[in-house]
Protein backbone atom coordinates (compact mmCIF):
# COMPACT_ATOMS: atom_id res chain seq x y z
CA MET A 1 78.02 98.01 115.41
CA LYS A 2 77.70 101.70 116.37
CA LEU A 3 76.09 102.72 112.83
CA ALA A 4 73.02 100.39 113.62
CA LYS A 5 72.46 103.19 116.36
CA VAL A 6 72.52 106.26 113.88
CA PHE A 7 70.48 104.34 110.90
CA VAL A 8 67.47 103.94 113.72
CA LEU A 9 67.90 107.69 114.40
CA THR A 10 67.54 108.24 110.76
CA LEU A 11 64.34 106.35 110.18
CA VAL A 12 62.16 108.92 111.22
CA LEU A 13 63.17 111.52 108.64
CA LEU A 14 61.65 110.75 105.50
CA PRO A 15 58.12 110.74 107.08
CA CYS A 16 58.89 114.52 107.73
CA ILE A 17 59.13 115.84 103.96
CA ASN A 18 56.34 117.81 102.61
CA LEU A 19 56.81 116.78 99.14
CA GLN A 20 55.13 119.83 97.86
CA ILE A 21 58.08 121.20 96.05
CA ALA A 22 56.38 123.03 93.18
CA GLN A 23 56.51 126.40 95.38
CA PRO A 24 60.00 126.01 97.61
CA GLU A 25 60.04 128.30 100.26
CA GLN A 26 62.51 131.43 100.38
CA SER A 27 65.96 130.39 101.63
CA SER A 28 66.74 134.60 102.11
CA SER A 29 66.71 136.29 105.68
CA SER A 30 67.28 139.59 105.81
CA SER A 31 69.30 139.69 109.38
CA GLY A 32 72.52 138.96 107.88
CA ALA A 33 72.29 135.24 108.33
CA GLY A 34 72.18 134.47 104.48
CA ASP A 35 76.19 136.33 104.51
CA PHE A 36 77.22 133.42 106.87
CA TYR A 37 75.99 130.63 105.29
CA LYS A 38 77.41 131.63 101.53
CA MET A 39 80.50 132.07 103.34
CA GLY A 40 80.23 128.54 105.16
CA ARG A 41 79.22 127.22 101.82
CA THR A 42 82.34 128.41 100.11
CA GLU A 43 84.42 127.04 103.04
CA PHE A 44 82.72 123.37 103.11
CA LEU A 45 83.05 122.72 99.20
CA LYS A 46 86.81 123.52 99.55
CA PHE A 47 86.62 119.98 100.90
CA THR A 48 89.39 120.24 103.51
CA PRO A 49 89.47 120.00 107.14
CA GLN A 50 89.83 123.34 107.76
CA GLY A 51 87.39 124.42 105.67
CA PHE A 52 84.82 121.89 107.34
CA GLN A 53 85.44 123.48 110.65
CA LYS A 54 85.23 127.11 109.48
CA ALA A 55 82.07 126.27 107.67
CA ILE A 56 80.65 124.63 110.73
CA SER A 57 81.73 128.48 112.29
CA ASP A 58 80.00 130.44 109.95
CA TYR A 59 76.86 128.22 109.61
CA GLU A 60 76.82 128.88 113.26
CA LYS A 61 77.03 132.34 112.89
CA ALA A 62 73.82 132.42 110.20
CA LEU A 63 72.02 130.89 113.20
CA GLN A 64 72.79 133.43 115.88
CA ALA A 65 71.61 136.27 113.65
CA ASP A 66 68.83 134.03 112.97
CA PRO A 67 67.84 130.96 114.69
CA ASN A 68 65.09 129.64 112.54
CA PHE A 69 67.43 129.87 109.12
CA ALA A 70 66.99 126.74 107.79
CA PRO A 71 69.72 126.66 105.10
CA ALA A 72 72.29 126.90 107.84
CA PHE A 73 70.59 124.19 109.86
CA ALA A 74 71.12 122.10 106.41
CA GLY A 75 74.60 123.20 105.94
CA LEU A 76 75.49 122.17 109.22
CA GLY A 77 73.51 118.61 108.64
CA GLU A 78 75.84 118.04 105.51
CA VAL A 79 79.13 118.93 106.95
CA TYR A 80 78.47 116.80 110.37
CA SER A 81 77.90 113.93 107.88
CA PHE A 82 80.78 114.37 105.48
CA ILE A 83 82.71 114.18 108.97
CA GLY A 84 80.83 111.36 110.13
CA PHE A 85 81.48 109.28 106.94
CA TYR A 86 85.07 110.33 106.58
CA LYS A 87 85.61 109.36 110.29
CA SER A 88 83.88 105.72 109.50
CA GLU A 89 86.24 105.30 106.69
CA VAL A 90 89.43 105.84 108.93
CA LYS A 91 88.07 103.77 111.79
CA GLU A 92 87.71 106.42 114.29
CA GLU A 93 84.43 107.74 116.92
CA TYR A 94 81.81 108.71 114.00
CA GLU A 95 78.61 108.43 115.73
CA GLU A 96 78.54 111.56 117.80
CA TYR A 97 78.82 113.45 114.34
CA PHE A 98 75.73 111.53 112.14
CA ASN A 99 73.76 112.08 115.13
CA LYS A 100 74.94 116.04 115.04
CA ALA A 101 74.04 115.68 111.18
CA TYR A 102 70.37 114.05 112.35
CA GLN A 103 69.39 116.45 114.76
CA ASN A 104 70.43 120.07 112.41
CA ILE A 105 68.71 118.28 109.68
CA LEU A 106 65.48 117.98 111.62
CA GLN A 107 65.89 121.89 112.31
CA ALA A 108 66.34 122.26 108.67
CA LEU A 109 63.41 120.16 107.78
CA LYS A 110 61.25 122.06 110.27
CA TYR A 111 61.73 125.61 109.39
CA GLY A 112 62.30 124.63 105.21
CA PRO A 113 61.88 121.17 104.63
CA ASN A 114 61.20 121.83 100.86
CA LEU A 115 64.24 124.22 99.96
CA VAL A 116 67.40 122.90 98.01
CA GLU A 117 69.63 123.27 100.81
CA THR A 118 67.36 121.30 103.16
CA GLN A 119 67.22 118.16 100.75
CA ARG A 120 70.30 118.30 99.55
CA ALA A 121 71.78 117.83 103.20
CA LEU A 122 69.09 114.66 103.55
CA ALA A 123 70.19 113.29 100.35
CA VAL A 124 73.76 113.44 101.54
CA ASN A 125 72.71 112.01 104.94
CA TYR A 126 71.19 109.24 103.17
CA LEU A 127 73.79 108.54 101.21
CA HIS A 128 76.53 108.24 103.99
CA LEU A 129 74.16 105.84 106.06
CA SER A 130 73.95 103.45 102.95
CA ARG A 131 70.30 104.47 102.22
CA GLU A 132 70.57 104.77 98.55
CA ASN A 133 67.12 104.81 97.38
CA ASP A 134 66.21 107.35 99.92
CA ALA A 135 69.52 109.56 98.99
CA GLU A 136 68.29 109.19 94.99
CA ALA A 137 64.62 110.40 95.81
CA ALA A 138 66.15 113.45 97.92
CA ALA A 139 68.18 114.60 95.01
CA ILE A 140 65.93 114.18 92.63
CA ARG A 141 63.61 116.52 94.48
CA VAL A 142 66.62 118.94 94.46
CA LEU A 143 67.20 118.65 90.86
CA GLN A 144 63.67 119.21 90.10
CA LEU A 145 64.31 122.84 91.72
CA ASP A 146 67.65 123.24 90.37
CA PRO A 147 68.53 120.90 87.19
CA ASN A 148 72.19 122.34 87.67
CA ASP A 149 72.65 121.64 91.22
CA ALA A 150 76.18 120.02 90.92
CA GLU A 151 76.50 118.50 94.17
CA SER A 152 73.03 116.84 93.87
CA GLN A 153 74.03 115.44 90.28
CA TYR A 154 76.77 113.62 92.32
CA ILE A 155 74.39 112.42 94.71
CA LEU A 156 72.62 110.71 92.24
CA TRP A 157 75.23 109.19 90.70
CA ALA A 158 76.91 107.93 94.14
CA ALA A 159 73.46 106.71 94.86
CA ASN A 160 72.92 104.64 91.56
CA GLY A 161 76.10 102.60 92.01
CA LYS A 162 79.33 104.74 91.44
CA ASN A 163 79.61 103.65 87.88
CA PRO A 164 82.73 105.70 86.44
CA ASN A 165 81.28 105.52 82.99
CA ASP A 166 77.48 107.00 83.95
CA PRO A 167 77.22 110.34 82.09
CA VAL A 168 75.34 111.78 85.54
CA ILE A 169 78.75 112.30 87.19
CA ARG A 170 80.21 114.00 84.02
CA LYS A 171 77.02 116.28 83.93
CA ALA A 172 78.12 116.95 87.47
CA LEU A 173 81.54 117.80 86.42
CA THR A 174 80.39 119.82 83.54
CA SER A 175 78.16 121.38 86.07
CA ASP A 176 80.95 122.23 88.47
CA PRO A 177 84.51 121.56 87.53
CA ASN A 178 85.87 122.29 90.57
CA LEU A 179 83.48 119.72 92.92
CA VAL A 180 86.08 118.23 95.12
CA MET A 181 83.68 115.31 96.14
CA ALA A 182 82.97 114.47 92.36
CA HIS A 183 86.62 114.11 91.64
CA VAL A 184 87.57 112.03 94.81
CA GLU A 185 84.50 109.55 94.40
CA LEU A 186 85.12 109.12 90.76
CA ALA A 187 88.84 108.57 91.75
CA THR A 188 87.66 105.87 93.88
CA ALA A 189 85.36 104.10 91.63
CA TYR A 190 88.05 104.09 88.73
CA PHE A 191 90.30 102.78 91.71
CA PHE A 192 87.92 100.02 92.90
CA LYS A 193 85.32 99.32 90.03
CA ALA A 194 87.60 99.45 86.93
CA ASN A 195 91.26 98.99 88.24
CA ASN A 196 92.12 101.71 86.21
CA TYR A 197 94.35 103.38 88.98
CA LYS A 198 96.00 106.04 86.03
CA LYS A 199 92.36 107.51 85.72
CA ALA A 200 92.06 107.38 89.32
CA ALA A 201 95.54 109.23 89.75
CA GLU A 202 94.13 111.85 87.47
CA HIS A 203 91.33 112.48 89.68
CA TYR A 204 92.89 112.49 92.89
CA ARG A 205 95.47 115.06 91.48
CA LYS A 206 92.76 116.95 90.54
CA ALA A 207 91.29 116.91 93.98
CA VAL A 208 94.31 117.86 95.88
CA GLU A 209 94.82 120.53 93.61
CA LEU A 210 91.53 121.98 94.71
CA ALA A 211 91.74 120.71 98.29
CA ASN A 212 95.28 120.12 99.29
CA SER A 213 94.44 117.77 102.48
CA PRO A 214 96.45 114.96 103.95
CA GLN A 215 93.26 112.55 103.24
CA LEU A 216 93.55 113.39 99.63
CA ARG A 217 97.75 113.30 99.99
CA ASN A 218 96.98 109.47 101.40
CA TYR A 219 94.48 108.71 98.46
CA LEU A 220 96.41 109.98 96.21
CA GLY A 221 99.49 107.97 97.33
CA THR A 222 97.89 104.52 97.59
CA THR A 223 96.90 104.86 93.90
CA LEU A 224 100.29 105.64 93.34
CA ARG A 225 101.77 102.73 94.88
CA SER A 226 99.22 100.65 93.26
CA GLN A 227 100.71 101.84 89.66
CA GLY A 228 104.38 101.15 91.29
CA TYR A 229 105.24 104.31 91.89
CA TYR A 230 106.25 103.65 95.37
CA ASN A 231 108.80 107.18 95.58
CA GLN A 232 105.73 108.88 94.58
CA ALA A 233 103.51 106.95 97.06
CA VAL A 234 106.24 107.73 99.96
CA ALA A 235 106.28 111.58 98.87
CA GLU A 236 102.69 111.55 99.34
CA TYR A 237 102.31 109.83 102.42
CA LEU A 238 105.51 112.50 103.93
CA ILE A 239 103.45 115.10 103.06
CA ALA A 240 100.15 114.31 104.34
CA LEU A 241 101.74 113.46 107.79
CA LYS A 242 103.64 117.38 107.79
CA GLN A 243 100.10 118.72 107.37
CA ASP A 244 98.81 116.43 110.42
CA PRO A 245 100.92 114.07 112.05
CA SER A 246 98.92 112.63 113.95
CA TYR A 247 96.96 110.63 110.64
CA ALA A 248 97.16 107.29 111.30
CA ALA A 249 95.94 105.76 107.99
CA ALA A 250 98.91 108.19 106.05
CA GLN A 251 101.20 106.48 108.55
CA MET A 252 100.04 103.03 107.96
CA ASN A 253 100.21 103.20 104.56
CA LEU A 254 103.75 104.55 104.30
CA GLY A 255 104.68 101.55 106.13
CA ILE A 256 103.08 99.20 103.65
CA THR A 257 104.83 101.17 101.29
CA LEU A 258 108.10 100.82 102.61
CA PHE A 259 107.47 97.11 102.99
CA TYR A 260 107.12 96.74 99.32
CA MET A 261 110.16 98.52 98.65
CA ASN A 262 111.80 95.79 101.22
CA LYS A 263 112.49 98.64 103.78
CA PHE A 264 111.82 96.53 106.51
CA ASN A 265 113.02 98.01 109.36
CA GLU A 266 111.44 101.15 108.31
CA SER A 267 108.21 99.78 107.55
CA ILE A 268 107.71 98.03 110.64
CA ASP A 269 108.71 101.71 112.70
CA SER A 270 105.86 103.33 110.79
CA LEU A 271 103.51 100.82 111.05
CA LYS A 272 103.63 100.35 114.91
CA LYS A 273 103.21 104.42 115.20
CA ALA A 274 100.20 103.98 112.70
CA ILE A 275 98.77 101.62 114.94
CA SER A 276 99.68 103.59 118.35
CA LYS A 277 97.43 106.66 116.71
CA ASN A 278 94.76 104.39 115.91
CA PRO A 279 94.84 100.63 116.49
CA ASN A 280 91.84 99.63 114.72
CA TYR A 281 93.83 98.85 111.50
CA PRO A 282 94.50 95.46 110.86
CA ASP A 283 96.61 96.09 107.63
CA GLY A 284 99.10 97.33 110.45
CA TYR A 285 99.61 94.37 112.08
CA PHE A 286 99.46 91.77 109.40
CA PHE A 287 102.30 93.86 107.58
CA ILE A 288 104.44 94.18 110.85
CA ALA A 289 103.85 90.35 111.36
CA GLU A 290 104.91 90.27 107.35
CA ALA A 291 108.48 92.44 107.85
CA TYR A 292 109.52 90.49 111.13
CA ALA A 293 108.88 87.25 109.13
CA LYS A 294 111.21 88.75 106.32
CA THR A 295 113.85 89.56 108.85
CA ASN A 296 113.97 86.38 110.74
CA ASN A 297 112.36 86.75 114.13
CA PRO A 298 109.51 84.24 113.95
CA LYS A 299 108.34 85.02 117.60
CA LEU A 300 107.67 88.79 116.92
CA ALA A 301 106.13 87.34 113.42
CA MET A 302 103.75 85.08 115.56
CA ASP A 303 102.67 87.76 117.93
CA TYR A 304 101.43 90.02 115.15
CA TYR A 305 99.70 87.41 113.12
CA LYS A 306 97.66 86.61 116.36
CA GLN A 307 96.54 90.53 116.64
CA PHE A 308 95.66 90.40 113.63
CA LEU A 309 93.45 87.51 113.56
CA ASP A 310 91.92 88.63 116.56
CA ILE A 311 90.87 91.84 115.02
CA VAL A 312 89.49 90.50 111.81
CA SER A 313 87.98 87.33 113.05
CA ASN A 314 84.52 88.12 111.48
CA GLN A 315 85.70 90.53 109.20
CA ASP A 316 85.38 88.64 105.32
CA ASN A 317 87.08 91.29 103.09
CA TYR A 318 90.49 90.37 104.77
CA SER A 319 89.86 86.69 103.67
CA GLY A 320 93.17 86.81 101.74
CA TYR A 321 95.55 88.03 104.84
CA ILE A 322 93.65 85.77 107.01
CA SER A 323 94.87 82.54 104.43
CA THR A 324 98.48 84.23 104.18
CA ALA A 325 98.53 84.72 108.25
CA LYS A 326 97.77 81.38 108.48
CA LYS A 327 100.08 79.26 106.25
CA SER A 328 102.77 81.56 107.60
CA MET A 329 101.75 80.60 111.30
CA SER A 330 102.03 77.11 110.48
CA LYS A 331 105.38 77.05 108.71
CA ILE A 332 106.55 78.85 111.93
CA GLN A 333 105.26 76.28 113.87
CA GLN A 334 107.26 73.22 111.56
């Protein structure tokens, strides 16, 4: 697994930290770097693909103005970490982004190890690499310097299990009601941990209001589908695809929703488009097989069931689909 290589790289980060945080370094710069950093931070917090790219550009301009400006390195480390994490979630190549995060955080640690910006970037990186204890420690260091840092409150909550009832996430959203990442992860926690799809939809909607991106439209669509609001879900997926026609996850979820609406031929078309954009989605092959079975095409159903099983042979999280696929294949062979 490629992520393992990134884990090895980041093992050296923690020993580099100077824990003398009572007197933090100054993050200001007389070269104009600070202004570019502030613009980059504003763009980053928009939490959209365009915002991330603009943030990278602004942080790079800050470093052109001051090559030793630690907050800009920290900002780059943070935004690359978020991009890498998202890429891994949607089954796209992500290693280069985590490695860029690592390289920039090393520079931030070199020039300003005790800054809020550096420690916050370090906390994010650890969180995305599932090193929750290290993420918690770095977030606590930030909060010792700035008790109202909403992002670090969010990281602290996320590192401690993402319990939707944990008051720490409420504290984060009180500190910054517009913190998109907090709304997104709280929605996800309601969805997966509490099966509270209504509350999940509320926070995804708030996130979409703040950051109208295809990724968030896709999340909202899936939450609506889980509540049986198929037409509303389809509308969200179509908006996501209009925003980004190459977005395989929304294309796949559109196909799955059409399947549940008994629109099997439309479902097959959408799912085939999804796996042509990204062949790493097992769900696409499974639902194509299911749709072919529903339309009395056993040969193609069998073909896609086999492709599905080849992809998920060692993935326990698909055990339910695997069982269904094997039973369906057995019936076809009878």
